[in-house]
Amino acid sequence: MYKIIKDPIDGSENIIKRKSDNRQFGRNPENSDYQQFLEDVKKEDIDIVEGPDVVTPDYKEQRLAEYPPIEEQLDKIYHTSLTAWKADIKAVKDKYPKTNSGSTTVGSVPSWVQEEVEKLP
């Protein structure tokens, strides 16, 4: 019925998506959609809320994040050897094999949801 979404700007898990109409809204106590969300969770239980997506990047993204900048790689080749540079690059490639295609799973519902529902009269 509802899904928590990570804010694309700050990464917080403060956006709520109502699945019935795909409407998204934030944690604003003055917002009627937010109030309805809390009431629905209180009435139906937290099982109607799905946690945010947790994305594991694929091997390309993981390798790119771990490779040193090209300037450092060239410096390594110059000061040591091409063999030493290849060993460093191979270690990263071995750490993130091509079989790692990435994945998306559903995370847990943030604790603030239950905390806010418990505050309701």
PDB file of N, CA and C in Angstrom:
ATOM      1  N   MET A   1       0.813  -1.194   0.000  1.00  0.00           N
ATOM      2  CA  MET A   1       0.000   0.000   0.000  1.00  0.00           C
ATOM      3  C   MET A   1       0.860   1.263   0.000  1.00  0.00           C
ATOM      4  N   TYR A   2       2.001   1.247   0.769  1.00  0.00           N
ATOM      5  CA  TYR A   2       2.923   2.379   0.808  1.00  0.00           C
ATOM      6  C   TYR A   2       4.352   1.880   0.645  1.00  0.00           C
ATOM      7  N   LYS A   3       5.187   2.738   0.092  1.00  0.00           N
ATOM      8  CA  LYS A   3       6.608   2.421  -0.051  1.00  0.00           C
ATOM      9  C   LYS A   3       7.411   3.638   0.392  1.00  0.00           C
ATOM     10  N   ILE A   4       8.449   3.377   1.179  1.00  0.00           N
ATOM     11  CA  ILE A   4       9.363   4.438   1.585  1.00  0.00           C
ATOM     12  C   ILE A   4      10.400   4.589   0.471  1.00  0.00           C
ATOM     13  N   ILE A   5      10.682   5.821   0.115  1.00  0.00           N
ATOM     14  CA  ILE A   5      11.635   6.107  -0.958  1.00  0.00           C
ATOM     15  C   ILE A   5      12.737   7.001  -0.415  1.00  0.00           C
ATOM     16  N   LYS A   6      13.951   6.721  -0.850  1.00  0.00           N
ATOM     17  CA  LYS A   6      15.082   7.567  -0.461  1.00  0.00           C
ATOM     18  C   LYS A   6      15.018   8.879  -1.229  1.00  0.00           C
ATOM     19  N   ASP A   7      15.252   9.965  -0.519  1.00  0.00           N
ATOM     20  CA  ASP A   7      15.298  11.284  -1.134  1.00  0.00           C
ATOM     21  C   ASP A   7      16.515  11.324  -2.056  1.00  0.00           C
ATOM     22  N   PRO A   8      16.332  11.652  -3.338  1.00  0.00           N
ATOM     23  CA  PRO A   8      17.467  11.649  -4.264  1.00  0.00           C
ATOM     24  C   PRO A   8      18.507  12.731  -3.955  1.00  0.00           C
ATOM     25  N   ILE A   9      18.133  13.732  -3.177  1.00  0.00           N
ATOM     26  CA  ILE A   9      19.061  14.822  -2.866  1.00  0.00           C
ATOM     27  C   ILE A   9      19.905  14.503  -1.649  1.00  0.00           C
ATOM     28  N   ASP A  10      19.277  14.139  -0.548  1.00  0.00           N
ATOM     29  CA  ASP A  10      20.055  13.931   0.682  1.00  0.00           C
ATOM     30  C   ASP A  10      20.138  12.472   1.134  1.00  0.00           C
ATOM     31  N   GLY A  11      19.471  11.565   0.420  1.00  0.00           N
ATOM     32  CA  GLY A  11      19.560  10.144   0.754  1.00  0.00           C
ATOM     33  C   GLY A  11      18.726   9.714   1.947  1.00  0.00           C
ATOM     34  N   SER A  12      18.013  10.648   2.560  1.00  0.00           N
ATOM     35  CA  SER A  12      17.184  10.284   3.714  1.00  0.00           C
ATOM     36  C   SER A  12      15.974   9.467   3.247  1.00  0.00           C
ATOM     37  N   GLU A  13      15.423   8.711   4.154  1.00  0.00           N
ATOM     38  CA  GLU A  13      14.265   7.865   3.842  1.00  0.00           C
ATOM     39  C   GLU A  13      13.005   8.543   4.354  1.00  0.00           C
ATOM     40  N   ASN A  14      12.710   9.698   3.794  1.00  0.00           N
ATOM     41  CA  ASN A  14      11.617  10.533   4.281  1.00  0.00           C
ATOM     42  C   ASN A  14      10.527  10.781   3.253  1.00  0.00           C
ATOM     43  N   ILE A  15      10.554  10.079   2.151  1.00  0.00           N
ATOM     44  CA  ILE A  15       9.514  10.251   1.139  1.00  0.00           C
ATOM     45  C   ILE A  15       8.640   8.999   1.156  1.00  0.00           C
ATOM     46  N   ILE A  16       7.351   9.202   1.099  1.00  0.00           N
ATOM     47  CA  ILE A  16       6.388   8.106   1.144  1.00  0.00           C
ATOM     48  C   ILE A  16       5.646   8.088  -0.187  1.00  0.00           C
ATOM     49  N   LYS A  17       5.507   6.890  -0.752  1.00  0.00           N
ATOM     50  CA  LYS A  17       4.768   6.738  -2.005  1.00  0.00           C
ATOM     51  C   LYS A  17       3.556   5.861  -1.732  1.00  0.00           C
ATOM     52  N   ARG A  18       2.390   6.393  -2.047  1.00  0.00           N
ATOM     53  CA  ARG A  18       1.167   5.601  -1.935  1.00  0.00           C
ATOM     54  C   ARG A  18       1.032   4.820  -3.237  1.00  0.00           C
ATOM     55  N   LYS A  19       1.039   3.508  -3.153  1.00  0.00           N
ATOM     56  CA  LYS A  19       1.066   2.667  -4.347  1.00  0.00           C
ATOM     57  C   LYS A  19      -0.220   2.730  -5.163  1.00  0.00           C
ATOM     58  N   SER A  20      -1.349   3.000  -4.528  1.00  0.00           N
ATOM     59  CA  SER A  20      -2.630   2.996  -5.244  1.00  0.00           C
ATOM     60  C   SER A  20      -2.696   4.063  -6.332  1.00  0.00           C
ATOM     61  N   ASP A  21      -2.047   5.207  -6.107  1.00  0.00           N
ATOM     62  CA  ASP A  21      -2.086   6.277  -7.108  1.00  0.00           C
ATOM     63  C   ASP A  21      -0.699   6.862  -7.420  1.00  0.00           C
ATOM     64  N   ASN A  22       0.339   6.233  -6.875  1.00  0.00           N
ATOM     65  CA  ASN A  22       1.729   6.667  -7.076  1.00  0.00           C
ATOM     66  C   ASN A  22       2.024   8.077  -6.567  1.00  0.00           C
ATOM     67  N   ARG A  23       1.179   8.589  -5.698  1.00  0.00           N
ATOM     68  CA  ARG A  23       1.412   9.919  -5.127  1.00  0.00           C
ATOM     69  C   ARG A  23       2.543   9.833  -4.118  1.00  0.00           C
ATOM     70  N   GLN A  24       3.456  10.807  -4.177  1.00  0.00           N
ATOM     71  CA  GLN A  24       4.571  10.878  -3.240  1.00  0.00           C
ATOM     72  C   GLN A  24       4.429  12.119  -2.370  1.00  0.00           C
ATOM     73  N   PHE A  25       4.785  11.963  -1.105  1.00  0.00           N
ATOM     74  CA  PHE A  25       4.701  13.080  -0.172  1.00  0.00           C
ATOM     75  C   PHE A  25       5.742  12.882   0.914  1.00  0.00           C
ATOM     76  N   GLY A  26       6.050  13.958   1.590  1.00  0.00           N
ATOM     77  CA  GLY A  26       7.072  13.925   2.634  1.00  0.00           C
ATOM     78  C   GLY A  26       6.480  13.777   4.024  1.00  0.00           C
ATOM     79  N   ARG A  27       7.380  13.784   4.995  1.00  0.00           N
ATOM     80  CA  ARG A  27       6.980  13.648   6.412  1.00  0.00           C
ATOM     81  C   ARG A  27       6.605  15.008   6.972  1.00  0.00           C
ATOM     82  N   ASN A  28       5.524  15.542   6.524  1.00  0.00           N
ATOM     83  CA  ASN A  28       5.055  16.836   6.989  1.00  0.00           C
ATOM     84  C   ASN A  28       3.761  16.630   7.771  1.00  0.00           C
ATOM     85  N   PRO A  29       3.778  16.875   9.085  1.00  0.00           N
ATOM     86  CA  PRO A  29       2.579  16.649   9.898  1.00  0.00           C
ATOM     87  C   PRO A  29       1.360  17.453   9.441  1.00  0.00           C
ATOM     88  N   GLU A  30       1.579  18.526   8.698  1.00  0.00           N
ATOM     89  CA  GLU A  30       0.458  19.339   8.221  1.00  0.00           C
ATOM     90  C   GLU A  30      -0.121  18.814   6.907  1.00  0.00           C
ATOM     91  N   ASN A  31       0.519  17.833   6.304  1.00  0.00           N
ATOM     92  CA  ASN A  31       0.077  17.280   5.032  1.00  0.00           C
ATOM     93  C   ASN A  31      -0.988  16.212   5.286  1.00  0.00           C
ATOM     94  N   SER A  32      -2.123  16.333   4.636  1.00  0.00           N
ATOM     95  CA  SER A  32      -3.215  15.374   4.848  1.00  0.00           C
ATOM     96  C   SER A  32      -2.847  13.968   4.362  1.00  0.00           C
ATOM     97  N   ASP A  33      -2.046  13.868   3.321  1.00  0.00           N
ATOM     98  CA  ASP A  33      -1.609  12.551   2.849  1.00  0.00           C
ATOM     99  C   ASP A  33      -0.737  11.867   3.902  1.00  0.00           C
ATOM    100  N   TYR A  34       0.129  12.629   4.540  1.00  0.00           N
ATOM    101  CA  TYR A  34       0.984  12.074   5.584  1.00  0.00           C
ATOM    102  C   TYR A  34       0.140  11.626   6.779  1.00  0.00           C
ATOM    103  N   GLN A  35      -0.826  12.437   7.156  1.00  0.00           N
ATOM    104  CA  GLN A  35      -1.718  12.069   8.262  1.00  0.00           C
ATOM    105  C   GLN A  35      -2.498  10.786   7.945  1.00  0.00           C
ATOM    106  N   GLN A  36      -2.947  10.679   6.691  1.00  0.00           N
ATOM    107  CA  GLN A  36      -3.672   9.476   6.272  1.00  0.00           C
ATOM    108  C   GLN A  36      -2.748   8.254   6.304  1.00  0.00           C
ATOM    109  N   PHE A  37      -1.511   8.452   5.896  1.00  0.00           N
ATOM    110  CA  PHE A  37      -0.513   7.376   5.951  1.00  0.00           C
ATOM    111  C   PHE A  37      -0.374   6.848   7.375  1.00  0.00           C
ATOM    112  N   LEU A  38      -0.203   7.751   8.334  1.00  0.00           N
ATOM    113  CA  LEU A  38      -0.055   7.340   9.732  1.00  0.00           C
ATOM    114  C   LEU A  38      -1.300   6.614  10.234  1.00  0.00           C
ATOM    115  N   GLU A  39      -2.465   7.132   9.894  1.00  0.00           N
ATOM    116  CA  GLU A  39      -3.720   6.499  10.303  1.00  0.00           C
ATOM    117  C   GLU A  39      -3.851   5.095   9.693  1.00  0.00           C
ATOM    118  N   ASP A  40      -3.481   4.967   8.416  1.00  0.00           N
ATOM    119  CA  ASP A  40      -3.557   3.655   7.763  1.00  0.00           C
ATOM    120  C   ASP A  40      -2.619   2.651   8.426  1.00  0.00           C
ATOM    121  N   VAL A  41      -1.419   3.090   8.747  1.00  0.00           N
ATOM    122  CA  VAL A  41      -0.454   2.194   9.393  1.00  0.00           C
ATOM    123  C   VAL A  41      -0.956   1.804  10.778  1.00  0.00           C
ATOM    124  N   LYS A  42      -1.542   2.758  11.489  1.00  0.00           N
ATOM    125  CA  LYS A  42      -2.076   2.451  12.820  1.00  0.00           C
ATOM    126  C   LYS A  42      -3.203   1.421  12.720  1.00  0.00           C
ATOM    127  N   LYS A  43      -4.060   1.593  11.731  1.00  0.00           N
ATOM    128  CA  LYS A  43      -5.220   0.724  11.566  1.00  0.00           C
ATOM    129  C   LYS A  43      -4.831  -0.651  11.008  1.00  0.00           C
ATOM    130  N   GLU A  44      -3.969  -0.684   9.990  1.00  0.00           N
ATOM    131  CA  GLU A  44      -3.650  -1.924   9.276  1.00  0.00           C
ATOM    132  C   GLU A  44      -2.363  -2.608   9.744  1.00  0.00           C
ATOM    133  N   ASP A  45      -1.505  -1.916  10.457  1.00  0.00           N
ATOM    134  CA  ASP A  45      -0.210  -2.409  10.931  1.00  0.00           C
ATOM    135  C   ASP A  45       0.897  -2.030   9.936  1.00  0.00           C
ATOM    136  N   ILE A  46       2.110  -2.139  10.395  1.00  0.00           N
ATOM    137  CA  ILE A  46       3.276  -1.702   9.622  1.00  0.00           C
ATOM    138  C   ILE A  46       3.524  -2.566   8.392  1.00  0.00           C
ATOM    139  N   ASP A  47       2.864  -3.712   8.313  1.00  0.00           N
ATOM    140  CA  ASP A  47       3.033  -4.603   7.157  1.00  0.00           C
ATOM    141  C   ASP A  47       2.570  -3.974   5.848  1.00  0.00           C
ATOM    142  N   ILE A  48       1.809  -2.890   5.905  1.00  0.00           N
ATOM    143  CA  ILE A  48       1.366  -2.233   4.676  1.00  0.00           C
ATOM    144  C   ILE A  48       2.432  -1.273   4.135  1.00  0.00           C
ATOM    145  N   VAL A  49       3.569  -1.197   4.821  1.00  0.00           N
ATOM    146  CA  VAL A  49       4.654  -0.305   4.404  1.00  0.00           C
ATOM    147  C   VAL A  49       5.836  -1.147   3.940  1.00  0.00           C
ATOM    148  N   GLU A  50       6.336  -0.814   2.756  1.00  0.00           N
ATOM    149  CA  GLU A  50       7.511  -1.485   2.210  1.00  0.00           C
ATOM    150  C   GLU A  50       8.710  -0.561   2.371  1.00  0.00           C
ATOM    151  N   GLY A  51       9.828  -1.126   2.762  1.00  0.00           N
ATOM    152  CA  GLY A  51      11.041  -0.338   2.953  1.00  0.00           C
ATOM    153  C   GLY A  51      11.614   0.170   1.635  1.00  0.00           C
ATOM    154  N   PRO A  52      12.634   1.007   1.715  1.00  0.00           N
ATOM    155  CA  PRO A  52      13.242   1.573   0.503  1.00  0.00           C
ATOM    156  C   PRO A  52      14.049   0.521  -0.264  1.00  0.00           C
ATOM    157  N   ASP A  53      14.245   0.768  -1.536  1.00  0.00           N
ATOM    158  CA  ASP A  53      15.086  -0.102  -2.343  1.00  0.00           C
ATOM    159  C   ASP A  53      16.545   0.062  -1.928  1.00  0.00           C
ATOM    160  N   VAL A  54      17.245  -1.048  -1.861  1.00  0.00           N
ATOM    161  CA  VAL A  54      18.680  -1.052  -1.581  1.00  0.00           C
ATOM    162  C   VAL A  54      19.351  -1.565  -2.851  1.00  0.00           C
ATOM    163  N   VAL A  55      20.117  -0.695  -3.490  1.00  0.00           N
ATOM    164  CA  VAL A  55      20.740  -1.030  -4.769  1.00  0.00           C
ATOM    165  C   VAL A  55      22.211  -1.360  -4.558  1.00  0.00           C
ATOM    166  N   THR A  56      22.611  -2.528  -5.026  1.00  0.00           N
ATOM    167  CA  THR A  56      24.017  -2.915  -5.026  1.00  0.00           C
ATOM    168  C   THR A  56      24.527  -2.689  -6.447  1.00  0.00           C
ATOM    169  N   PRO A  57      25.535  -1.837  -6.599  1.00  0.00           N
ATOM    170  CA  PRO A  57      26.003  -1.542  -7.954  1.00  0.00           C
ATOM    171  C   PRO A  57      26.656  -2.751  -8.624  1.00  0.00           C
ATOM    172  N   ASP A  58      26.722  -2.716  -9.955  1.00  0.00           N
ATOM    173  CA  ASP A  58      27.365  -3.801 -10.677  1.00  0.00           C
ATOM    174  C   ASP A  58      28.887  -3.646 -10.639  1.00  0.00           C
ATOM    175  N   TYR A  59      29.581  -4.615 -11.203  1.00  0.00           N
ATOM    176  CA  TYR A  59      31.046  -4.643 -11.122  1.00  0.00           C
ATOM    177  C   TYR A  59      31.690  -3.405 -11.732  1.00  0.00           C
ATOM    178  N   LYS A  60      31.117  -2.847 -12.794  1.00  0.00           N
ATOM    179  CA  LYS A  60      31.713  -1.665 -13.434  1.00  0.00           C
ATOM    180  C   LYS A  60      31.733  -0.479 -12.475  1.00  0.00           C
ATOM    181  N   GLU A  61      30.598  -0.240 -11.838  1.00  0.00           N
ATOM    182  CA  GLU A  61      30.516   0.884 -10.898  1.00  0.00           C
ATOM    183  C   GLU A  61      31.431   0.667  -9.696  1.00  0.00           C
ATOM    184  N   GLN A  62      31.481  -0.562  -9.194  1.00  0.00           N
ATOM    185  CA  GLN A  62      32.328  -0.846  -8.038  1.00  0.00           C
ATOM    186  C   GLN A  62      33.805  -0.689  -8.393  1.00  0.00           C
ATOM    187  N   ARG A  63      34.190  -1.168  -9.562  1.00  0.00           N
ATOM    188  CA  ARG A  63      35.584  -1.015  -9.985  1.00  0.00           C
ATOM    189  C   ARG A  63      35.953   0.451 -10.163  1.00  0.00           C
ATOM    190  N   LEU A  64      35.088   1.197 -10.848  1.00  0.00           N
ATOM    191  CA  LEU A  64      35.382   2.619 -11.072  1.00  0.00           C
ATOM    192  C   LEU A  64      35.567   3.378  -9.764  1.00  0.00           C
ATOM    193  N   ALA A  65      34.779   3.016  -8.773  1.00  0.00           N
ATOM    194  CA  ALA A  65      34.886   3.691  -7.473  1.00  0.00           C
ATOM    195  C   ALA A  65      36.190   3.355  -6.764  1.00  0.00           C
ATOM    196  N   GLU A  66      36.762   2.201  -7.063  1.00  0.00           N
ATOM    197  CA  GLU A  66      37.967   1.770  -6.348  1.00  0.00           C
ATOM    198  C   GLU A  66      39.264   2.041  -7.104  1.00  0.00           C
ATOM    199  N   TYR A  67      39.191   2.157  -8.431  1.00  0.00           N
ATOM    200  CA  TYR A  67      40.420   2.461  -9.171  1.00  0.00           C
ATOM    201  C   TYR A  67      40.949   3.830  -8.745  1.00  0.00           C
ATOM    202  N   PRO A  68      42.262   3.953  -8.608  1.00  0.00           N
ATOM    203  CA  PRO A  68      42.801   5.288  -8.312  1.00  0.00           C
ATOM    204  C   PRO A  68      42.647   6.195  -9.537  1.00  0.00           C
ATOM    205  N   PRO A  69      42.716   7.510  -9.343  1.00  0.00           N
ATOM    206  CA  PRO A  69      42.643   8.431 -10.488  1.00  0.00           C
ATOM    207  C   PRO A  69      43.747   8.104 -11.506  1.00  0.00           C
ATOM    208  N   ILE A  70      43.498   8.398 -12.755  1.00  0.00           N
ATOM    209  CA  ILE A  70      44.439   8.065 -13.822  1.00  0.00           C
ATOM    210  C   ILE A  70      45.825   8.668 -13.579  1.00  0.00           C
ATOM    211  N   GLU A  71      45.857   9.860 -12.973  1.00  0.00           N
ATOM    212  CA  GLU A  71      47.152  10.491 -12.690  1.00  0.00           C
ATOM    213  C   GLU A  71      47.981   9.623 -11.746  1.00  0.00           C
ATOM    214  N   GLU A  72      47.325   9.069 -10.725  1.00  0.00           N
ATOM    215  CA  GLU A  72      48.020   8.197  -9.779  1.00  0.00           C
ATOM    216  C   GLU A  72      48.445   6.889 -10.445  1.00  0.00           C
ATOM    217  N   GLN A  73      47.614   6.388 -11.343  1.00  0.00           N
ATOM    218  CA  GLN A  73      47.979   5.166 -12.046  1.00  0.00           C
ATOM    219  C   GLN A  73      49.216   5.385 -12.919  1.00  0.00           C
ATOM    220  N   LEU A  74      49.247   6.505 -13.634  1.00  0.00           N
ATOM    221  CA  LEU A  74      50.408   6.804 -14.477  1.00  0.00           C
ATOM    222  C   LEU A  74      51.655   7.020 -13.624  1.00  0.00           C
ATOM    223  N   ASP A  75      51.472   7.670 -12.492  1.00  0.00           N
ATOM    224  CA  ASP A  75      52.599   7.888 -11.581  1.00  0.00           C
ATOM    225  C   ASP A  75      53.135   6.545 -11.077  1.00  0.00           C
ATOM    226  N   LYS A  76      52.245   5.616 -10.784  1.00  0.00           N
ATOM    227  CA  LYS A  76      52.644   4.283 -10.332  1.00  0.00           C
ATOM    228  C   LYS A  76      53.475   3.581 -11.407  1.00  0.00           C
ATOM    229  N   ILE A  77      53.017   3.666 -12.649  1.00  0.00           N
ATOM    230  CA  ILE A  77      53.751   3.046 -13.752  1.00  0.00           C
ATOM    231  C   ILE A  77      55.138   3.669 -13.883  1.00  0.00           C
ATOM    232  N   TYR A  78      55.204   4.993 -13.809  1.00  0.00           N
ATOM    233  CA  TYR A  78      56.472   5.697 -13.974  1.00  0.00           C
ATOM    234  C   TYR A  78      57.453   5.371 -12.855  1.00  0.00           C
ATOM    235  N   HIS A  79      56.973   5.412 -11.609  1.00  0.00           N
ATOM    236  CA  HIS A  79      57.872   5.252 -10.458  1.00  0.00           C
ATOM    237  C   HIS A  79      58.162   3.794 -10.096  1.00  0.00           C
ATOM    238  N   THR A  80      57.275   2.890 -10.440  1.00  0.00           N
ATOM    239  CA  THR A  80      57.532   1.486 -10.103  1.00  0.00           C
ATOM    240  C   THR A  80      57.693   0.714 -11.415  1.00  0.00           C
ATOM    241  N   SER A  81      56.610   0.152 -11.883  1.00  0.00           N
ATOM    242  CA  SER A  81      56.676  -0.570 -13.157  1.00  0.00           C
ATOM    243  C   SER A  81      55.271  -0.866 -13.640  1.00  0.00           C
ATOM    244  N   LEU A  82      55.201  -1.246 -14.890  1.00  0.00           N
ATOM    245  CA  LEU A  82      53.919  -1.644 -15.455  1.00  0.00           C
ATOM    246  C   LEU A  82      53.398  -2.891 -14.742  1.00  0.00           C
ATOM    247  N   THR A  83      54.284  -3.756 -14.334  1.00  0.00           N
ATOM    248  CA  THR A  83      53.908  -4.981 -13.623  1.00  0.00           C
ATOM    249  C   THR A  83      53.241  -4.660 -12.285  1.00  0.00           C
ATOM    250  N   ALA A  84      53.785  -3.690 -11.536  1.00  0.00           N
ATOM    251  CA  ALA A  84      53.193  -3.291 -10.249  1.00  0.00           C
ATOM    252  C   ALA A  84      51.807  -2.688 -10.468  1.00  0.00           C
ATOM    253  N   TRP A  85      51.681  -1.861 -11.498  1.00  0.00           N
ATOM    254  CA  TRP A  85      50.381  -1.261 -11.815  1.00  0.00           C
ATOM    255  C   TRP A  85      49.373  -2.349 -12.171  1.00  0.00           C
ATOM    256  N   LYS A  86      49.776  -3.304 -13.010  1.00  0.00           N
ATOM    257  CA  LYS A  86      48.881  -4.395 -13.403  1.00  0.00           C
ATOM    258  C   LYS A  86      48.423  -5.188 -12.180  1.00  0.00           C
ATOM    259  N   ALA A  87      49.312  -5.394 -11.228  1.00  0.00           N
ATOM    260  CA  ALA A  87      48.952  -6.133 -10.014  1.00  0.00           C
ATOM    261  C   ALA A  87      47.875  -5.390  -9.230  1.00  0.00           C
ATOM    262  N   ASP A  88      48.001  -4.060  -9.125  1.00  0.00           N
ATOM    263  CA  ASP A  88      46.984  -3.254  -8.425  1.00  0.00           C
ATOM    264  C   ASP A  88      45.633  -3.331  -9.131  1.00  0.00           C
ATOM    265  N   ILE A  89      45.658  -3.209 -10.452  1.00  0.00           N
ATOM    266  CA  ILE A  89      44.418  -3.244 -11.222  1.00  0.00           C
ATOM    267  C   ILE A  89      43.784  -4.634 -11.141  1.00  0.00           C
ATOM    268  N   LYS A  90      44.595  -5.671 -11.228  1.00  0.00           N
ATOM    269  CA  LYS A  90      44.085  -7.040 -11.141  1.00  0.00           C
ATOM    270  C   LYS A  90      43.421  -7.296  -9.791  1.00  0.00           C
ATOM    271  N   ALA A  91      43.977  -6.733  -8.720  1.00  0.00           N
ATOM    272  CA  ALA A  91      43.380  -6.919  -7.394  1.00  0.00           C
ATOM    273  C   ALA A  91      41.956  -6.358  -7.355  1.00  0.00           C
ATOM    274  N   VAL A  92      41.754  -5.203  -7.985  1.00  0.00           N
ATOM    275  CA  VAL A  92      40.416  -4.607  -8.034  1.00  0.00           C
ATOM    276  C   VAL A  92      39.496  -5.458  -8.904  1.00  0.00           C
ATOM    277  N   LYS A  93      39.998  -5.901 -10.043  1.00  0.00           N
ATOM    278  CA  LYS A  93      39.185  -6.738 -10.939  1.00  0.00           C
ATOM    279  C   LYS A  93      38.799  -8.057 -10.261  1.00  0.00           C
ATOM    280  N   ASP A  94      39.725  -8.628  -9.510  1.00  0.00           N
ATOM    281  CA  ASP A  94      39.423  -9.879  -8.798  1.00  0.00           C
ATOM    282  C   ASP A  94      38.396  -9.650  -7.686  1.00  0.00           C
ATOM    283  N   LYS A  95      38.479  -8.488  -7.049  1.00  0.00           N
ATOM    284  CA  LYS A  95      37.556  -8.161  -5.951  1.00  0.00           C
ATOM    285  C   LYS A  95      36.127  -8.008  -6.464  1.00  0.00           C
ATOM    286  N   TYR A  96      35.986  -7.451  -7.677  1.00  0.00           N
ATOM    287  CA  TYR A  96      34.665  -7.221  -8.274  1.00  0.00           C
ATOM    288  C   TYR A  96      34.591  -7.927  -9.626  1.00  0.00           C
ATOM    289  N   PRO A  97      34.325  -9.237  -9.639  1.00  0.00           N
ATOM    290  CA  PRO A  97      34.287  -9.986 -10.902  1.00  0.00           C
ATOM    291  C   PRO A  97      33.104  -9.578 -11.780  1.00  0.00           C
ATOM    292  N   LYS A  98      33.221  -9.876 -13.046  1.00  0.00           N
ATOM    293  CA  LYS A  98      32.171  -9.526 -14.013  1.00  0.00           C
ATOM    294  C   LYS A  98      30.850 -10.236 -13.723  1.00  0.00           C
ATOM    295  N   THR A  99      30.907 -11.286 -12.937  1.00  0.00           N
ATOM    296  CA  THR A  99      29.670 -12.000 -12.602  1.00  0.00           C
ATOM    297  C   THR A  99      28.778 -11.173 -11.675  1.00  0.00           C
ATOM    298  N   ASN A 100      29.336 -10.125 -11.049  1.00  0.00           N
ATOM    299  CA  ASN A 100      28.546  -9.257 -10.175  1.00  0.00           C
ATOM    300  C   ASN A 100      27.756  -8.287 -11.043  1.00  0.00           C
ATOM    301  N   SER A 101      26.503  -8.609 -11.276  1.00  0.00           N
ATOM    302  CA  SER A 101      25.674  -7.790 -12.163  1.00  0.00           C
ATOM    303  C   SER A 101      24.856  -6.742 -11.412  1.00  0.00           C
ATOM    304  N   GLY A 102      25.050  -6.641 -10.109  1.00  0.00           N
ATOM    305  CA  GLY A 102      24.275  -5.678  -9.325  1.00  0.00           C
ATOM    306  C   GLY A 102      22.919  -6.252  -8.973  1.00  0.00           C
ATOM    307  N   SER A 103      22.252  -5.617  -8.023  1.00  0.00           N
ATOM    308  CA  SER A 103      20.929  -6.094  -7.620  1.00  0.00           C
ATOM    309  C   SER A 103      20.180  -5.001  -6.871  1.00  0.00           C
ATOM    310  N   THR A 104      18.893  -5.209  -6.767  1.00  0.00           N
ATOM    311  CA  THR A 104      18.041  -4.318  -5.982  1.00  0.00           C
ATOM    312  C   THR A 104      17.206  -5.183  -5.044  1.00  0.00           C
ATOM    313  N   THR A 105      17.267  -4.857  -3.762  1.00  0.00           N
ATOM    314  CA  THR A 105      16.459  -5.565  -2.775  1.00  0.00           C
ATOM    315  C   THR A 105      15.651  -4.528  -1.994  1.00  0.00           C
ATOM    316  N   VAL A 106      14.705  -5.004  -1.222  1.00  0.00           N
ATOM    317  CA  VAL A 106      13.884  -4.113  -0.409  1.00  0.00           C
ATOM    318  C   VAL A 106      14.461  -4.087   1.002  1.00  0.00           C
ATOM    319  N   GLY A 107      14.746  -2.884   1.486  1.00  0.00           N
ATOM    320  CA  GLY A 107      15.290  -2.721   2.832  1.00  0.00           C
ATOM    321  C   GLY A 107      14.195  -2.722   3.881  1.00  0.00           C
ATOM    322  N   SER A 108      14.601  -2.580   5.136  1.00  0.00           N
ATOM    323  CA  SER A 108      13.610  -2.542   6.216  1.00  0.00           C
ATOM    324  C   SER A 108      12.920  -1.181   6.286  1.00  0.00           C
ATOM    325  N   VAL A 109      11.762  -1.215   6.873  1.00  0.00           N
ATOM    326  CA  VAL A 109      10.998   0.018   7.087  1.00  0.00           C
ATOM    327  C   VAL A 109      11.725   0.823   8.164  1.00  0.00           C
ATOM    328  N   PRO A 110      11.965   2.109   7.924  1.00  0.00           N
ATOM    329  CA  PRO A 110      12.653   2.924   8.933  1.00  0.00           C
ATOM    330  C   PRO A 110      11.886   2.965  10.254  1.00  0.00           C
ATOM    331  N   SER A 111      12.625   3.040  11.338  1.00  0.00           N
ATOM    332  CA  SER A 111      12.013   3.017  12.672  1.00  0.00           C
ATOM    333  C   SER A 111      11.104   4.214  12.918  1.00  0.00           C
ATOM    334  N   TRP A 112      11.336   5.320  12.224  1.00  0.00           N
ATOM    335  CA  TRP A 112      10.521   6.507  12.467  1.00  0.00           C
ATOM    336  C   TRP A 112       9.045   6.253  12.166  1.00  0.00           C
ATOM    337  N   VAL A 113       8.752   5.309  11.260  1.00  0.00           N
ATOM    338  CA  VAL A 113       7.344   5.043  10.911  1.00  0.00           C
ATOM    339  C   VAL A 113       6.592   4.568  12.149  1.00  0.00           C
ATOM    340  N   GLN A 114       7.116   3.544  12.810  1.00  0.00           N
ATOM    341  CA  GLN A 114       6.462   3.020  14.008  1.00  0.00           C
ATOM    342  C   GLN A 114       6.440   4.054  15.124  1.00  0.00           C
ATOM    343  N   GLU A 115       7.528   4.798  15.259  1.00  0.00           N
ATOM    344  CA  GLU A 115       7.601   5.829  16.306  1.00  0.00           C
ATOM    345  C   GLU A 115       6.521   6.893  16.119  1.00  0.00           C
ATOM    346  N   GLU A 116       6.310   7.303  14.870  1.00  0.00           N
ATOM    347  CA  GLU A 116       5.281   8.314  14.588  1.00  0.00           C
ATOM    348  C   GLU A 116       3.869   7.771  14.817  1.00  0.00           C
ATOM    349  N   VAL A 117       3.653   6.512  14.454  1.00  0.00           N
ATOM    350  CA  VAL A 117       2.328   5.899  14.640  1.00  0.00           C
ATOM    351  C   VAL A 117       2.020   5.790  16.123  1.00  0.00           C
ATOM    352  N   GLU A 118       3.014   5.452  16.920  1.00  0.00           N
ATOM    353  CA  GLU A 118       2.807   5.307  18.364  1.00  0.00           C
ATOM    354  C   GLU A 118       2.459   6.625  19.041  1.00  0.00           C
ATOM    355  N   LYS A 119       2.779   7.742  18.426  1.00  0.00           N
ATOM    356  CA  LYS A 119       2.455   9.056  18.989  1.00  0.00           C
ATOM    357  C   LYS A 119       0.987   9.432  18.780  1.00  0.00           C
ATOM    358  N   LEU A 120       0.323   8.722  17.843  1.00  0.00           N
ATOM    359  CA  LEU A 120      -1.073   9.045  17.557  1.00  0.00           C
ATOM    360  C   LEU A 120      -1.954   8.708  18.762  1.00  0.00           C
ATOM    361  N   PRO A 121      -3.015   9.497  18.936  1.00  0.00           N
ATOM    362  CA  PRO A 121      -3.939   9.206  20.043  1.00  0.00           C
ATOM    363  C   PRO A 121      -4.739   7.949  19.814  1.00  0.00           C
TER     364      PRO A 121
END
